[in-house]
Amino acid sequence: MLKIQDLNKSYGTRKVLDNLTLHIDSGEIYGLLGANGAGKTTTINIICNLLRADSGDITVNNQPVSEGTKKLIGIAPQENLLYKTLSCEENLKFFADIYGLNRETRQNQIKETLAAVNLLDRAKSPVETLSGGMQRRLNIAVALVHQPKLVILDEPTTGLDIEARYEIWELIRQLKNQGITILLTTHLLDEAERLCQRIGILKNGQILAEGSLAELRALIPAQEIVVVQTTQEEQAIALAQKYGFTPRRYGSDLAFWLPESLELKEIITRFEGIAIDSISRQPVRLEHIYVEVTQGR
């Protein structure tokens, strides 16, 4: 559905995209992760034909990006594209007109799209009367009203409470079940874990690692991760390394990669003689992988 090959973009002497290459299959949710400045926004702007790349190839549904491919793409940016004094259906009518939908198609699509995001009963409600979660759902509806092949969701749950976040996650799953291809950018790594079939980690305009969560987990030679709280950290590290445990810092936490899964009793035994305040076990998560990849370990 989306193919990006050797894409380059610079602003003056600053290179933002450096031979960026990624492919997104039809019907999948692809998560694009990266810190601010990694190149996500520039990539999105080029996909949407709002910005021209310096070099490289990019196609949507086998068509080179152009004015003609804009109708194939729907985008829900991080900042809501909504007119707050207009109703839900008035907002969708405005964007449906931009995409050139005729009257009959437009009316059907507005109704179907509002139903898809569970806002049909609020069709006449002004946007300013909606909750934050409802506004985000309507923002996604704007991206869907013209029946695009590819939907770009840029930080779709930023600033939402957990209940509203769950609602958006369920909506995204429903869109996938309808065969819609989704490019998702997010800073919430658990969101990417839950929703994405494949994930690409972007830094300095390059994909450093890419694959399913299982494939990315294979980058870390650990069966599980143990977080230890102790006042004798140096002694704990020295002792753990004798057993082949790899020490890591995740923020202020001292953690160890375990090359094999052990019973808790066995883990405690490995730290015999060390004053341990607590030990917690964790699976290898996307946050651990992300830190390893982006820090070049």
Protein backbone atom coordinates (compact mmCIF):
# COMPACT_ATOMS: atom_id res chain seq x y z
CA MET A 1 0.00 0.00 0.00
CA LEU A 2 2.77 2.45 0.93
CA LYS A 3 6.30 2.10 -0.40
CA ILE A 4 9.08 4.51 0.50
CA GLN A 5 12.48 3.90 -1.03
CA ASP A 6 15.70 5.83 -0.34
CA LEU A 7 13.89 9.02 0.66
CA ASN A 8 16.09 12.03 1.43
CA LYS A 9 15.21 15.47 2.72
CA SER A 10 17.36 18.27 4.11
CA TYR A 11 16.60 21.71 5.48
CA GLY A 12 19.70 23.69 4.65
CA THR A 13 22.63 21.73 6.04
CA ARG A 14 20.44 19.65 8.37
CA LYS A 15 19.58 16.24 6.96
CA VAL A 16 16.16 15.17 8.19
CA LEU A 17 15.59 12.00 6.13
CA ASP A 18 18.57 9.85 5.24
CA ASN A 19 17.76 7.18 2.62
CA LEU A 20 14.57 6.33 4.49
CA THR A 21 13.06 3.07 3.29
CA LEU A 22 9.90 1.40 4.56
CA HIS A 23 7.02 -0.59 3.12
CA ILE A 24 3.54 -0.92 4.62
CA ASP A 25 1.36 -3.79 3.48
CA SER A 26 -2.30 -3.39 2.65
CA GLY A 27 -4.53 -3.81 5.69
CA GLU A 28 -1.85 -3.64 8.37
CA ILE A 29 -1.21 -1.22 11.20
CA TYR A 30 2.39 -0.01 11.03
CA GLY A 31 3.79 1.89 13.99
CA LEU A 32 6.42 4.54 13.30
CA LEU A 33 8.27 5.38 16.51
CA GLY A 34 10.83 8.08 17.08
CA ALA A 35 11.70 11.04 19.26
CA ASN A 36 10.84 14.60 18.28
CA GLY A 37 13.07 15.53 15.37
CA ALA A 38 13.49 11.95 14.16
CA GLY A 39 11.77 12.75 10.86
CA LYS A 40 8.20 11.52 11.40
CA THR A 41 6.43 14.78 10.53
CA THR A 42 8.59 15.36 7.46
CA THR A 43 7.81 11.84 6.27
CA ILE A 44 4.07 12.37 6.74
CA ASN A 45 4.17 15.68 4.88
CA ILE A 46 5.92 14.06 1.93
CA ILE A 47 3.43 11.17 1.87
CA CYS A 48 0.59 13.71 1.79
CA ASN A 49 2.28 15.66 -1.03
CA LEU A 50 2.61 18.73 1.19
CA LEU A 51 6.40 18.67 0.94
CA ARG A 52 8.76 17.62 -1.80
CA ALA A 53 11.58 15.19 -1.07
CA ASP A 54 15.08 15.93 -2.31
CA SER A 55 15.32 12.42 -3.76
CA GLY A 56 13.82 8.96 -3.47
CA ASP A 57 10.63 7.23 -4.51
CA ILE A 58 7.30 7.01 -2.74
CA THR A 59 4.07 5.38 -3.92
CA VAL A 60 0.60 4.96 -2.44
CA ASN A 61 -1.43 2.06 -3.80
CA ASN A 62 1.20 1.71 -6.56
CA GLN A 63 0.77 5.36 -7.63
CA PRO A 64 3.60 7.91 -7.30
CA VAL A 65 2.72 10.57 -4.75
CA SER A 66 1.05 13.52 -6.45
CA GLU A 67 -2.08 15.67 -6.23
CA GLY A 68 -3.94 12.60 -7.47
CA THR A 69 -2.94 10.45 -4.50
CA LYS A 70 -4.28 12.88 -1.90
CA LYS A 71 -7.72 11.29 -2.19
CA LEU A 72 -6.20 7.92 -1.32
CA ILE A 73 -4.96 9.25 2.02
CA GLY A 74 -6.76 10.33 5.16
CA ILE A 75 -4.87 12.04 7.96
CA ALA A 76 -5.81 12.69 11.57
CA PRO A 77 -3.10 15.03 12.87
CA GLN A 78 -2.15 15.40 16.50
CA GLU A 79 -3.99 18.73 16.65
CA ASN A 80 -7.69 18.24 15.87
CA LEU A 81 -8.79 19.51 12.44
CA LEU A 82 -12.18 20.60 13.74
CA TYR A 83 -14.31 23.74 13.75
CA LYS A 84 -15.60 23.85 17.30
CA THR A 85 -18.73 25.93 16.66
CA LEU A 86 -19.89 23.59 13.90
CA SER A 87 -21.70 20.32 14.53
CA CYS A 88 -20.16 16.92 13.89
CA GLU A 89 -21.99 16.46 10.60
CA GLU A 90 -21.20 20.02 9.50
CA ASN A 91 -17.51 19.36 10.05
CA LEU A 92 -17.68 16.18 8.00
CA LYS A 93 -19.68 17.92 5.26
CA PHE A 94 -16.99 20.59 4.99
CA PHE A 95 -14.20 18.04 4.52
CA ALA A 96 -16.32 15.84 2.24
CA ASP A 97 -16.81 18.87 -0.01
CA ILE A 98 -13.05 19.43 -0.10
CA TYR A 99 -12.61 15.87 -1.35
CA GLY A 100 -15.24 16.43 -4.03
CA LEU A 101 -17.89 13.96 -2.84
CA ASN A 102 -21.21 14.46 -4.59
CA ARG A 103 -24.30 15.17 -2.54
CA GLU A 104 -25.67 11.63 -2.34
CA THR A 105 -22.28 10.05 -1.61
CA ARG A 106 -21.51 12.78 0.89
CA GLN A 107 -24.72 12.24 2.88
CA ASN A 108 -24.22 8.49 3.00
CA GLN A 109 -20.58 8.80 3.98
CA ILE A 110 -21.25 11.31 6.75
CA LYS A 111 -23.82 8.98 8.28
CA GLU A 112 -21.69 5.86 7.90
CA THR A 113 -18.56 7.56 9.19
CA LEU A 114 -20.29 8.98 12.26
CA ALA A 115 -21.67 5.52 12.96
CA ALA A 116 -18.19 4.01 12.55
CA VAL A 117 -16.76 6.30 15.24
CA ASN A 118 -19.85 5.89 17.46
CA LEU A 119 -20.97 9.51 17.15
CA LEU A 120 -24.15 9.16 15.10
CA ASP A 121 -26.26 10.22 18.09
CA ARG A 122 -24.15 13.40 18.36
CA ALA A 123 -24.42 14.36 14.69
CA LYS A 124 -26.10 17.70 15.48
CA SER A 125 -23.93 18.50 18.51
CA PRO A 126 -21.39 21.33 18.23
CA VAL A 127 -17.83 20.09 18.59
CA GLU A 128 -17.25 22.33 21.59
CA THR A 129 -19.82 20.29 23.55
CA LEU A 130 -17.98 16.99 23.01
CA SER A 131 -15.53 15.37 25.39
CA GLY A 132 -11.86 15.13 24.46
CA GLY A 133 -12.25 11.49 23.46
CA MET A 134 -15.26 12.26 21.27
CA GLN A 135 -13.35 15.05 19.56
CA ARG A 136 -10.48 12.69 18.79
CA ARG A 137 -12.94 10.18 17.33
CA LEU A 138 -14.45 12.91 15.18
CA ASN A 139 -10.95 13.96 14.10
CA ILE A 140 -10.41 10.39 12.90
CA ALA A 141 -13.81 10.51 11.17
CA VAL A 142 -12.56 13.50 9.15
CA ALA A 143 -9.75 11.28 7.90
CA LEU A 144 -12.24 8.55 6.93
CA VAL A 145 -15.10 10.46 5.31
CA HIS A 146 -13.76 10.12 1.73
CA GLN A 147 -13.01 6.37 2.10
CA PRO A 148 -9.20 6.52 1.82
CA LYS A 149 -6.96 3.51 1.26
CA LEU A 150 -4.33 4.71 3.74
CA VAL A 151 -5.07 6.46 7.04
CA ILE A 152 -2.34 8.29 8.94
CA LEU A 153 -2.96 8.65 12.68
CA ASP A 154 -0.47 11.05 14.26
CA GLU A 155 -0.40 10.62 18.06
CA PRO A 156 -4.13 9.73 18.14
CA THR A 157 -4.43 9.40 21.93
CA THR A 158 -2.17 12.20 23.15
CA GLY A 159 -3.69 13.96 26.14
CA LEU A 160 -6.59 11.55 26.58
CA ASP A 161 -7.56 9.77 29.78
CA ILE A 162 -7.27 6.00 29.89
CA GLU A 163 -10.96 5.33 29.12
CA ALA A 164 -10.90 7.56 26.03
CA ARG A 165 -7.62 5.96 24.99
CA TYR A 166 -9.21 2.50 25.11
CA GLU A 167 -12.07 3.78 22.94
CA ILE A 168 -9.63 5.04 20.30
CA TRP A 169 -7.70 1.76 20.40
CA GLU A 170 -10.88 -0.20 19.78
CA LEU A 171 -11.78 2.13 16.90
CA ILE A 172 -8.35 1.59 15.34
CA ARG A 173 -8.79 -2.18 15.59
CA GLN A 174 -12.17 -1.89 13.89
CA LEU A 175 -10.64 0.11 11.04
CA LYS A 176 -8.04 -2.60 10.53
CA ASN A 177 -10.77 -5.25 10.47
CA GLN A 178 -12.37 -3.26 7.65
CA GLY A 179 -9.17 -3.63 5.64
CA ILE A 180 -7.94 -0.05 6.08
CA THR A 181 -4.16 0.41 6.08
CA ILE A 182 -2.95 2.53 9.00
CA LEU A 183 0.29 4.38 9.62
CA LEU A 184 0.40 5.15 13.33
CA THR A 185 2.86 7.47 15.03
CA THR A 186 2.92 7.46 18.81
CA HIS A 187 5.12 8.18 21.81
CA LEU A 188 3.13 5.63 23.82
CA LEU A 189 5.06 2.40 23.40
CA ASP A 190 2.34 0.28 24.98
CA GLU A 191 -0.01 1.66 22.33
CA ALA A 192 2.29 0.41 19.58
CA GLU A 193 2.64 -2.96 21.35
CA ARG A 194 -1.12 -3.43 21.50
CA LEU A 195 -2.07 -2.22 18.02
CA CYS A 196 0.72 -2.64 15.48
CA GLN A 197 1.54 -5.68 13.37
CA ARG A 198 4.92 -4.18 12.53
CA ILE A 199 6.94 -1.38 14.06
CA GLY A 200 9.73 0.79 12.69
CA ILE A 201 12.08 2.69 15.01
CA LEU A 202 13.18 5.95 13.40
CA LYS A 203 16.19 8.04 14.39
CA ASN A 204 17.98 10.76 12.43
CA GLY A 205 15.83 10.02 9.41
CA GLN A 206 16.69 6.32 9.23
CA ILE A 207 14.86 3.15 10.22
CA LEU A 208 17.21 1.53 12.72
CA ALA A 209 15.08 -1.53 13.40
CA GLU A 210 11.84 -2.88 11.99
CA GLY A 211 9.59 -5.88 12.38
CA SER A 212 6.89 -7.50 14.44
CA LEU A 213 7.14 -7.27 18.21
CA ALA A 214 8.44 -10.84 18.29
CA GLU A 215 11.09 -10.01 15.69
CA LEU A 216 12.16 -6.91 17.60
CA ARG A 217 12.34 -8.86 20.86
CA ALA A 218 14.90 -11.12 19.20
CA LEU A 219 17.28 -8.13 19.18
CA ILE A 220 17.65 -8.48 22.95
CA PRO A 221 19.28 -11.73 24.16
CA ALA A 222 17.08 -12.04 27.23
CA GLN A 223 14.20 -14.26 28.26
CA GLU A 224 13.05 -11.76 30.86
CA ILE A 225 14.18 -8.64 32.69
CA VAL A 226 14.61 -8.33 36.44
CA VAL A 227 14.56 -4.95 38.16
CA VAL A 228 16.43 -4.83 41.48
CA GLN A 229 16.31 -2.19 44.18
CA THR A 230 19.34 -2.24 46.46
CA THR A 231 21.75 0.11 48.16
CA GLN A 232 24.61 -2.17 47.05
CA GLU A 233 24.30 -1.70 43.32
CA GLU A 234 27.97 -2.19 42.41
CA GLN A 235 28.12 -5.46 44.35
CA ALA A 236 24.83 -6.60 42.79
CA ILE A 237 26.13 -5.89 39.28
CA ALA A 238 29.38 -7.74 39.90
CA LEU A 239 27.59 -10.75 41.33
CA ALA A 240 24.94 -10.85 38.59
CA GLN A 241 27.53 -10.73 35.83
CA LYS A 242 29.09 -13.92 37.18
CA TYR A 243 25.81 -15.64 36.28
CA GLY A 244 25.65 -14.11 32.81
CA PHE A 245 23.11 -11.42 33.69
CA THR A 246 23.53 -8.24 31.60
CA PRO A 247 23.09 -5.03 33.63
CA ARG A 248 21.09 -2.15 32.21
CA ARG A 249 19.79 1.21 33.41
CA TYR A 250 16.23 2.22 32.57
CA GLY A 251 15.91 5.66 34.07
CA SER A 252 16.83 5.25 37.72
CA ASP A 253 16.04 1.52 37.69
CA LEU A 254 18.82 -1.06 37.82
CA ALA A 255 17.81 -3.99 35.64
CA PHE A 256 19.34 -7.24 34.47
CA TRP A 257 18.75 -9.27 31.35
CA LEU A 258 18.32 -12.93 32.18
CA PRO A 259 19.46 -15.32 29.42
CA GLU A 260 16.97 -17.88 30.69
CA SER A 261 13.78 -17.80 32.72
CA LEU A 262 14.32 -18.64 36.38
CA GLU A 263 12.02 -19.16 39.31
CA LEU A 264 11.90 -16.20 41.67
CA LYS A 265 13.57 -18.25 44.38
CA GLU A 266 16.49 -18.97 42.04
CA ILE A 267 16.85 -15.30 41.16
CA ILE A 268 16.95 -14.32 44.83
CA THR A 269 19.58 -16.99 45.43
CA ARG A 270 21.81 -15.43 42.74
CA PHE A 271 21.90 -12.22 44.81
CA GLU A 272 22.66 -13.95 48.10
CA GLY A 273 24.68 -11.68 50.37
CA ILE A 274 23.30 -8.49 48.83
CA ALA A 275 20.80 -6.35 50.73
CA ILE A 276 17.83 -6.41 48.32
CA ASP A 277 14.87 -4.13 48.95
CA SER A 278 12.77 -5.52 46.09
CA ILE A 279 12.95 -7.64 42.96
CA SER A 280 10.42 -7.45 40.12
CA ARG A 281 10.24 -9.50 36.93
CA GLN A 282 9.19 -8.12 33.55
CA PRO A 283 8.90 -9.48 30.04
CA VAL A 284 11.05 -7.87 27.36
CA ARG A 285 8.93 -4.90 26.30
CA LEU A 286 9.06 -2.45 23.45
CA GLU A 287 10.44 0.23 25.75
CA HIS A 288 13.52 -1.90 26.43
CA ILE A 289 14.01 -2.56 22.72
CA TYR A 290 13.52 1.11 21.85
CA VAL A 291 16.16 2.23 24.33
CA GLU A 292 18.68 -0.32 23.05
CA VAL A 293 18.12 0.57 19.40
CA THR A 294 18.07 4.36 19.75
CA GLN A 295 21.06 4.46 22.07
CA GLY A 296 23.07 2.32 19.70
CA ARG A 297 23.93 -0.38 22.21
